Each structure stands twice: as structure tokens, then as C-alpha cells.
Amino acid sequence: MDEKSKKEAFQLGQAVFIILVVMTIGEYWLGAIAVNWWAPIIAVALLKAYFVVRDYMHLPRLFAADEEE
């Protein structure tokens, strides 16, 4: 992995982290203010789970072809 790819991956990771922080704060306040709004809270939680799986769990690497060394 070259230096440019590492920098781009790091920037993407930072952006996703900030998005997750903002969504978590919003989810908390939504749950604190509107307790009966369970559907939007679940939708936000599923969206956050998608970002975590996509960007932090590296599942696409499991299904990618083996890279040459």
C-alpha cells in the first residue's frame, strides 16, 4: 500500500468516525426527547452498523481475490 492510499484510507476513517459521533449524539438526543420514536432510532442504529461493518471490520477483504505479494 503506497503512502497516498494510506493517507486516503486514514482520511476516510476519520470522516466515518466523525459521522458516527454525530449520529450517536443525535440518536441519544432523539431517544432522550422522543422516547416513543423507536423507528427512527432503529434506522439510525442500522445506518451506523452499516458504516462500522463497511469501514472498520474489513469484510470486503474476505471476499476479494488474493493479492499478489
PDB file of N, CA and C in Angstrom:
ATOM      1  N   MET A   1       0.854  -1.169   0.000  1.00  0.00           N
ATOM      2  CA  MET A   1       0.000   0.000   0.000  1.00  0.00           C
ATOM      3  C   MET A   1       0.906   1.240   0.000  1.00  0.00           C
ATOM      4  N   ASP A   2       0.700   2.105  -0.964  1.00  0.00           N
ATOM      5  CA  ASP A   2       1.559   3.280  -1.037  1.00  0.00           C
ATOM      6  C   ASP A   2       1.089   4.372  -0.076  1.00  0.00           C
ATOM      7  N   GLU A   3       1.901   5.391   0.035  1.00  0.00           N
ATOM      8  CA  GLU A   3       1.655   6.465   1.017  1.00  0.00           C
ATOM      9  C   GLU A   3       0.348   7.212   0.721  1.00  0.00           C
ATOM     10  N   LYS A   4       0.039   7.425  -0.551  1.00  0.00           N
ATOM     11  CA  LYS A   4      -1.187   8.138  -0.925  1.00  0.00           C
ATOM     12  C   LYS A   4      -2.425   7.329  -0.537  1.00  0.00           C
ATOM     13  N   SER A   5      -2.397   6.025  -0.756  1.00  0.00           N
ATOM     14  CA  SER A   5      -3.523   5.165  -0.398  1.00  0.00           C
ATOM     15  C   SER A   5      -3.724   5.130   1.111  1.00  0.00           C
ATOM     16  N   LYS A   6      -2.627   5.098   1.856  1.00  0.00           N
ATOM     17  CA  LYS A   6      -2.725   5.103   3.315  1.00  0.00           C
ATOM     18  C   LYS A   6      -3.349   6.401   3.812  1.00  0.00           C
ATOM     19  N   LYS A   7      -2.938   7.520   3.213  1.00  0.00           N
ATOM     20  CA  LYS A   7      -3.477   8.815   3.617  1.00  0.00           C
ATOM     21  C   LYS A   7      -4.968   8.905   3.313  1.00  0.00           C
ATOM     22  N   GLU A   8      -5.375   8.435   2.135  1.00  0.00           N
ATOM     23  CA  GLU A   8      -6.787   8.450   1.766  1.00  0.00           C
ATOM     24  C   GLU A   8      -7.607   7.549   2.683  1.00  0.00           C
ATOM     25  N   ALA A   9      -7.088   6.380   3.020  1.00  0.00           N
ATOM     26  CA  ALA A   9      -7.790   5.468   3.916  1.00  0.00           C
ATOM     27  C   ALA A   9      -7.924   6.070   5.308  1.00  0.00           C
ATOM     28  N   PHE A  10      -6.875   6.732   5.775  1.00  0.00           N
ATOM     29  CA  PHE A  10      -6.918   7.374   7.086  1.00  0.00           C
ATOM     30  C   PHE A  10      -7.945   8.503   7.104  1.00  0.00           C
ATOM     31  N   GLN A  11      -7.982   9.314   6.046  1.00  0.00           N
ATOM     32  CA  GLN A  11      -8.950  10.404   5.964  1.00  0.00           C
ATOM     33  C   GLN A  11     -10.376   9.873   5.910  1.00  0.00           C
ATOM     34  N   LEU A  12     -10.590   8.781   5.179  1.00  0.00           N
ATOM     35  CA  LEU A  12     -11.918   8.168   5.132  1.00  0.00           C
ATOM     36  C   LEU A  12     -12.310   7.652   6.513  1.00  0.00           C
ATOM     37  N   GLY A  13     -11.371   7.022   7.207  1.00  0.00           N
ATOM     38  CA  GLY A  13     -11.643   6.533   8.551  1.00  0.00           C
ATOM     39  C   GLY A  13     -11.993   7.656   9.503  1.00  0.00           C
ATOM     40  N   GLN A  14     -11.297   8.783   9.399  1.00  0.00           N
ATOM     41  CA  GLN A  14     -11.609   9.931  10.240  1.00  0.00           C
ATOM     42  C   GLN A  14     -12.992  10.486   9.928  1.00  0.00           C
ATOM     43  N   ALA A  15     -13.324  10.592   8.649  1.00  0.00           N
ATOM     44  CA  ALA A  15     -14.628  11.123   8.255  1.00  0.00           C
ATOM     45  C   ALA A  15     -15.759  10.228   8.764  1.00  0.00           C
ATOM     46  N   VAL A  16     -15.582   8.926   8.633  1.00  0.00           N
ATOM     47  CA  VAL A  16     -16.600   7.986   9.102  1.00  0.00           C
ATOM     48  C   VAL A  16     -16.723   8.066  10.625  1.00  0.00           C
ATOM     49  N   PHE A  17     -15.597   8.215  11.322  1.00  0.00           N
ATOM     50  CA  PHE A  17     -15.625   8.347  12.775  1.00  0.00           C
ATOM     51  C   PHE A  17     -16.429   9.581  13.188  1.00  0.00           C
ATOM     52  N   ILE A  18     -16.214  10.698  12.517  1.00  0.00           N
ATOM     53  CA  ILE A  18     -16.949  11.927  12.833  1.00  0.00           C
ATOM     54  C   ILE A  18     -18.427  11.746  12.540  1.00  0.00           C
ATOM     55  N   ILE A  19     -18.749  11.108  11.435  1.00  0.00           N
ATOM     56  CA  ILE A  19     -20.157  10.837  11.104  1.00  0.00           C
ATOM     57  C   ILE A  19     -20.801   9.980  12.189  1.00  0.00           C
ATOM     58  N   LEU A  20     -20.089   8.948  12.644  1.00  0.00           N
ATOM     59  CA  LEU A  20     -20.626   8.076  13.685  1.00  0.00           C
ATOM     60  C   LEU A  20     -20.828   8.822  15.001  1.00  0.00           C
ATOM     61  N   VAL A  21     -19.908   9.727  15.338  1.00  0.00           N
ATOM     62  CA  VAL A  21     -20.052  10.516  16.562  1.00  0.00           C
ATOM     63  C   VAL A  21     -21.289  11.408  16.478  1.00  0.00           C
ATOM     64  N   VAL A  22     -21.456  12.087  15.359  1.00  0.00           N
ATOM     65  CA  VAL A  22     -22.618  12.970  15.179  1.00  0.00           C
ATOM     66  C   VAL A  22     -23.913  12.165  15.220  1.00  0.00           C
ATOM     67  N   MET A  23     -23.921  11.017  14.557  1.00  0.00           N
ATOM     68  CA  MET A  23     -25.129  10.182  14.554  1.00  0.00           C
ATOM     69  C   MET A  23     -25.436   9.640  15.955  1.00  0.00           C
ATOM     70  N   THR A  24     -24.409   9.301  16.714  1.00  0.00           N
ATOM     71  CA  THR A  24     -24.619   8.793  18.066  1.00  0.00           C
ATOM     72  C   THR A  24     -25.192   9.879  18.972  1.00  0.00           C
ATOM     73  N   ILE A  25     -24.656  11.081  18.860  1.00  0.00           N
ATOM     74  CA  ILE A  25     -25.196  12.197  19.653  1.00  0.00           C
ATOM     75  C   ILE A  25     -26.641  12.463  19.269  1.00  0.00           C
ATOM     76  N   GLY A  26     -26.923  12.481  17.974  1.00  0.00           N
ATOM     77  CA  GLY A  26     -28.309  12.682  17.515  1.00  0.00           C
ATOM     78  C   GLY A  26     -29.227  11.566  17.975  1.00  0.00           C
ATOM     79  N   GLU A  27     -28.742  10.350  17.925  1.00  0.00           N
ATOM     80  CA  GLU A  27     -29.535   9.202  18.371  1.00  0.00           C
ATOM     81  C   GLU A  27     -29.836   9.304  19.869  1.00  0.00           C
ATOM     82  N   TYR A  28     -28.845   9.724  20.636  1.00  0.00           N
ATOM     83  CA  TYR A  28     -29.045   9.887  22.078  1.00  0.00           C
ATOM     84  C   TYR A  28     -30.125  10.932  22.365  1.00  0.00           C
ATOM     85  N   TRP A  29     -29.997  12.099  21.725  1.00  0.00           N
ATOM     86  CA  TRP A  29     -30.968  13.160  21.977  1.00  0.00           C
ATOM     87  C   TRP A  29     -32.355  12.790  21.458  1.00  0.00           C
ATOM     88  N   LEU A  30     -32.422  12.105  20.367  1.00  0.00           N
ATOM     89  CA  LEU A  30     -33.713  11.643  19.858  1.00  0.00           C
ATOM     90  C   LEU A  30     -34.353  10.679  20.845  1.00  0.00           C
ATOM     91  N   GLY A  31     -33.561   9.786  21.420  1.00  0.00           N
ATOM     92  CA  GLY A  31     -34.081   8.842  22.400  1.00  0.00           C
ATOM     93  C   GLY A  31     -34.450   9.515  23.712  1.00  0.00           C
ATOM     94  N   ALA A  32     -33.723  10.563  24.077  1.00  0.00           N
ATOM     95  CA  ALA A  32     -33.999  11.256  25.331  1.00  0.00           C
ATOM     96  C   ALA A  32     -35.232  12.149  25.227  1.00  0.00           C
ATOM     97  N   ILE A  33     -35.427  12.760  24.079  1.00  0.00           N
ATOM     98  CA  ILE A  33     -36.536  13.707  23.917  1.00  0.00           C
ATOM     99  C   ILE A  33     -37.815  13.009  23.459  1.00  0.00           C
ATOM    100  N   ALA A  34     -37.702  12.137  22.486  1.00  0.00           N
ATOM    101  CA  ALA A  34     -38.875  11.484  21.897  1.00  0.00           C
ATOM    102  C   ALA A  34     -38.769   9.980  22.131  1.00  0.00           C
ATOM    103  N   VAL A  35     -39.122   9.562  23.315  1.00  0.00           N
ATOM    104  CA  VAL A  35     -38.946   8.167  23.715  1.00  0.00           C
ATOM    105  C   VAL A  35     -39.731   7.207  22.823  1.00  0.00           C
ATOM    106  N   ASN A  36     -40.866   7.609  22.356  1.00  0.00           N
ATOM    107  CA  ASN A  36     -41.718   6.719  21.563  1.00  0.00           C
ATOM    108  C   ASN A  36     -41.337   6.671  20.082  1.00  0.00           C
ATOM    109  N   TRP A  37     -40.317   7.371  19.679  1.00  0.00           N
ATOM    110  CA  TRP A  37     -39.893   7.367  18.284  1.00  0.00           C
ATOM    111  C   TRP A  37     -38.875   6.259  18.070  1.00  0.00           C
ATOM    112  N   TRP A  38     -39.284   5.039  18.221  1.00  0.00           N
ATOM    113  CA  TRP A  38     -38.359   3.908  18.139  1.00  0.00           C
ATOM    114  C   TRP A  38     -37.919   3.629  16.705  1.00  0.00           C
ATOM    115  N   ALA A  39     -38.769   3.861  15.729  1.00  0.00           N
ATOM    116  CA  ALA A  39     -38.417   3.545  14.338  1.00  0.00           C
ATOM    117  C   ALA A  39     -37.232   4.384  13.836  1.00  0.00           C
ATOM    118  N   PRO A  40     -37.227   5.720  14.030  1.00  0.00           N
ATOM    119  CA  PRO A  40     -36.052   6.485  13.589  1.00  0.00           C
ATOM    120  C   PRO A  40     -34.785   6.114  14.359  1.00  0.00           C
ATOM    121  N   ILE A  41     -34.931   5.765  15.625  1.00  0.00           N
ATOM    122  CA  ILE A  41     -33.765   5.369  16.417  1.00  0.00           C
ATOM    123  C   ILE A  41     -33.169   4.073  15.862  1.00  0.00           C
ATOM    124  N   ILE A  42     -34.015   3.122  15.523  1.00  0.00           N
ATOM    125  CA  ILE A  42     -33.533   1.869  14.935  1.00  0.00           C
ATOM    126  C   ILE A  42     -32.915   2.118  13.564  1.00  0.00           C
ATOM    127  N   ALA A  43     -33.507   3.019  12.789  1.00  0.00           N
ATOM    128  CA  ALA A  43     -32.954   3.337  11.473  1.00  0.00           C
ATOM    129  C   ALA A  43     -31.554   3.938  11.601  1.00  0.00           C
ATOM    130  N   VAL A  44     -31.368   4.838  12.557  1.00  0.00           N
ATOM    131  CA  VAL A  44     -30.052   5.430  12.776  1.00  0.00           C
ATOM    132  C   VAL A  44     -29.063   4.358  13.236  1.00  0.00           C
ATOM    133  N   ALA A  45     -29.500   3.482  14.121  1.00  0.00           N
ATOM    134  CA  ALA A  45     -28.622   2.416  14.609  1.00  0.00           C
ATOM    135  C   ALA A  45     -28.208   1.478  13.472  1.00  0.00           C
ATOM    136  N   LEU A  46     -29.119   1.146  12.584  1.00  0.00           N
ATOM    137  CA  LEU A  46     -28.781   0.290  11.439  1.00  0.00           C
ATOM    138  C   LEU A  46     -27.818   0.980  10.478  1.00  0.00           C
ATOM    139  N   LEU A  47     -28.019   2.269  10.272  1.00  0.00           N
ATOM    140  CA  LEU A  47     -27.116   3.026   9.412  1.00  0.00           C
ATOM    141  C   LEU A  47     -25.717   3.077  10.014  1.00  0.00           C
ATOM    142  N   LYS A  48     -25.645   3.273  11.322  1.00  0.00           N
ATOM    143  CA  LYS A  48     -24.347   3.266  11.998  1.00  0.00           C
ATOM    144  C   LYS A  48     -23.689   1.892  11.896  1.00  0.00           C
ATOM    145  N   ALA A  49     -24.462   0.837  12.049  1.00  0.00           N
ATOM    146  CA  ALA A  49     -23.914  -0.519  11.930  1.00  0.00           C
ATOM    147  C   ALA A  49     -23.363  -0.751  10.528  1.00  0.00           C
ATOM    148  N   TYR A  50     -24.052  -0.242   9.526  1.00  0.00           N
ATOM    149  CA  TYR A  50     -23.569  -0.367   8.153  1.00  0.00           C
ATOM    150  C   TYR A  50     -22.183   0.274   8.000  1.00  0.00           C
ATOM    151  N   PHE A  51     -22.023   1.503   8.516  1.00  0.00           N
ATOM    152  CA  PHE A  51     -20.738   2.190   8.414  1.00  0.00           C
ATOM    153  C   PHE A  51     -19.636   1.445   9.163  1.00  0.00           C
ATOM    154  N   VAL A  52     -19.947   0.913  10.319  1.00  0.00           N
ATOM    155  CA  VAL A  52     -18.945   0.186  11.106  1.00  0.00           C
ATOM    156  C   VAL A  52     -18.505  -1.068  10.357  1.00  0.00           C
ATOM    157  N   VAL A  53     -19.460  -1.825   9.845  1.00  0.00           N
ATOM    158  CA  VAL A  53     -19.116  -3.056   9.130  1.00  0.00           C
ATOM    159  C   VAL A  53     -18.345  -2.739   7.852  1.00  0.00           C
ATOM    160  N   ARG A  54     -18.782  -1.739   7.118  1.00  0.00           N
ATOM    161  CA  ARG A  54     -18.148  -1.403   5.842  1.00  0.00           C
ATOM    162  C   ARG A  54     -16.731  -0.864   6.017  1.00  0.00           C
ATOM    163  N   ASP A  55     -16.540   0.027   6.992  1.00  0.00           N
ATOM    164  CA  ASP A  55     -15.275   0.745   7.066  1.00  0.00           C
ATOM    165  C   ASP A  55     -14.315   0.252   8.132  1.00  0.00           C
ATOM    166  N   TYR A  56     -14.781  -0.445   9.134  1.00  0.00           N
ATOM    167  CA  TYR A  56     -13.892  -0.828  10.224  1.00  0.00           C
ATOM    168  C   TYR A  56     -13.702  -2.335  10.369  1.00  0.00           C
ATOM    169  N   MET A  57     -14.594  -3.132   9.855  1.00  0.00           N
ATOM    170  CA  MET A  57     -14.466  -4.575  10.034  1.00  0.00           C
ATOM    171  C   MET A  57     -13.758  -5.239   8.854  1.00  0.00           C
ATOM    172  N   HIS A  58     -13.541  -4.528   7.781  1.00  0.00           N
ATOM    173  CA  HIS A  58     -12.781  -5.006   6.626  1.00  0.00           C
ATOM    174  C   HIS A  58     -13.346  -6.304   6.036  1.00  0.00           C
ATOM    175  N   LEU A  59     -14.649  -6.454   6.039  1.00  0.00           N
ATOM    176  CA  LEU A  59     -15.268  -7.649   5.466  1.00  0.00           C
ATOM    177  C   LEU A  59     -15.055  -7.784   3.959  1.00  0.00           C
ATOM    178  N   PRO A  60     -14.986  -6.693   3.213  1.00  0.00           N
ATOM    179  CA  PRO A  60     -14.732  -6.875   1.773  1.00  0.00           C
ATOM    180  C   PRO A  60     -13.432  -7.613   1.475  1.00  0.00           C
ATOM    181  N   ARG A  61     -12.451  -7.507   2.367  1.00  0.00           N
ATOM    182  CA  ARG A  61     -11.188  -8.218   2.153  1.00  0.00           C
ATOM    183  C   ARG A  61     -11.371  -9.729   2.180  1.00  0.00           C
ATOM    184  N   LEU A  62     -12.354 -10.210   2.909  1.00  0.00           N
ATOM    185  CA  LEU A  62     -12.590 -11.652   2.975  1.00  0.00           C
ATOM    186  C   LEU A  62     -13.018 -12.220   1.631  1.00  0.00           C
ATOM    187  N   PHE A  63     -13.721 -11.415   0.852  1.00  0.00           N
ATOM    188  CA  PHE A  63     -14.283 -11.890  -0.403  1.00  0.00           C
ATOM    189  C   PHE A  63     -13.489 -11.429  -1.620  1.00  0.00           C
ATOM    190  N   ALA A  64     -12.434 -10.658  -1.419  1.00  0.00           N
ATOM    191  CA  ALA A  64     -11.605 -10.191  -2.520  1.00  0.00           C
ATOM    192  C   ALA A  64     -10.651 -11.302  -2.942  1.00  0.00           C
ATOM    193  N   ALA A  65     -10.238 -11.227  -4.183  1.00  0.00           N
ATOM    194  CA  ALA A  65      -9.259 -12.202  -4.687  1.00  0.00           C
ATOM    195  C   ALA A  65      -7.941 -11.998  -3.954  1.00  0.00           C
ATOM    196  N   ASP A  66      -7.187 -13.055  -3.823  1.00  0.00           N
ATOM    197  CA  ASP A  66      -5.887 -12.961  -3.155  1.00  0.00           C
ATOM    198  C   ASP A  66      -4.982 -12.010  -3.933  1.00  0.00           C
ATOM    199  N   GLU A  67      -4.348 -11.109  -3.199  1.00  0.00           N
ATOM    200  CA  GLU A  67      -3.444 -10.158  -3.826  1.00  0.00           C
ATOM    201  C   GLU A  67      -2.060 -10.783  -3.952  1.00  0.00           C
ATOM    202  N   GLU A  68      -1.381 -10.426  -5.011  1.00  0.00           N
ATOM    203  CA  GLU A  68      -0.006 -10.922  -5.185  1.00  0.00           C
ATOM    204  C   GLU A  68       0.916 -10.131  -4.287  1.00  0.00           C
ATOM    205  N   GLU A  69       1.898 -10.801  -3.723  1.00  0.00           N
ATOM    206  CA  GLU A  69       2.836 -10.121  -2.835  1.00  0.00           C
ATOM    207  C   GLU A  69       4.010  -9.571  -3.577  1.00  0.00           C
TER     208      GLU A  69
END
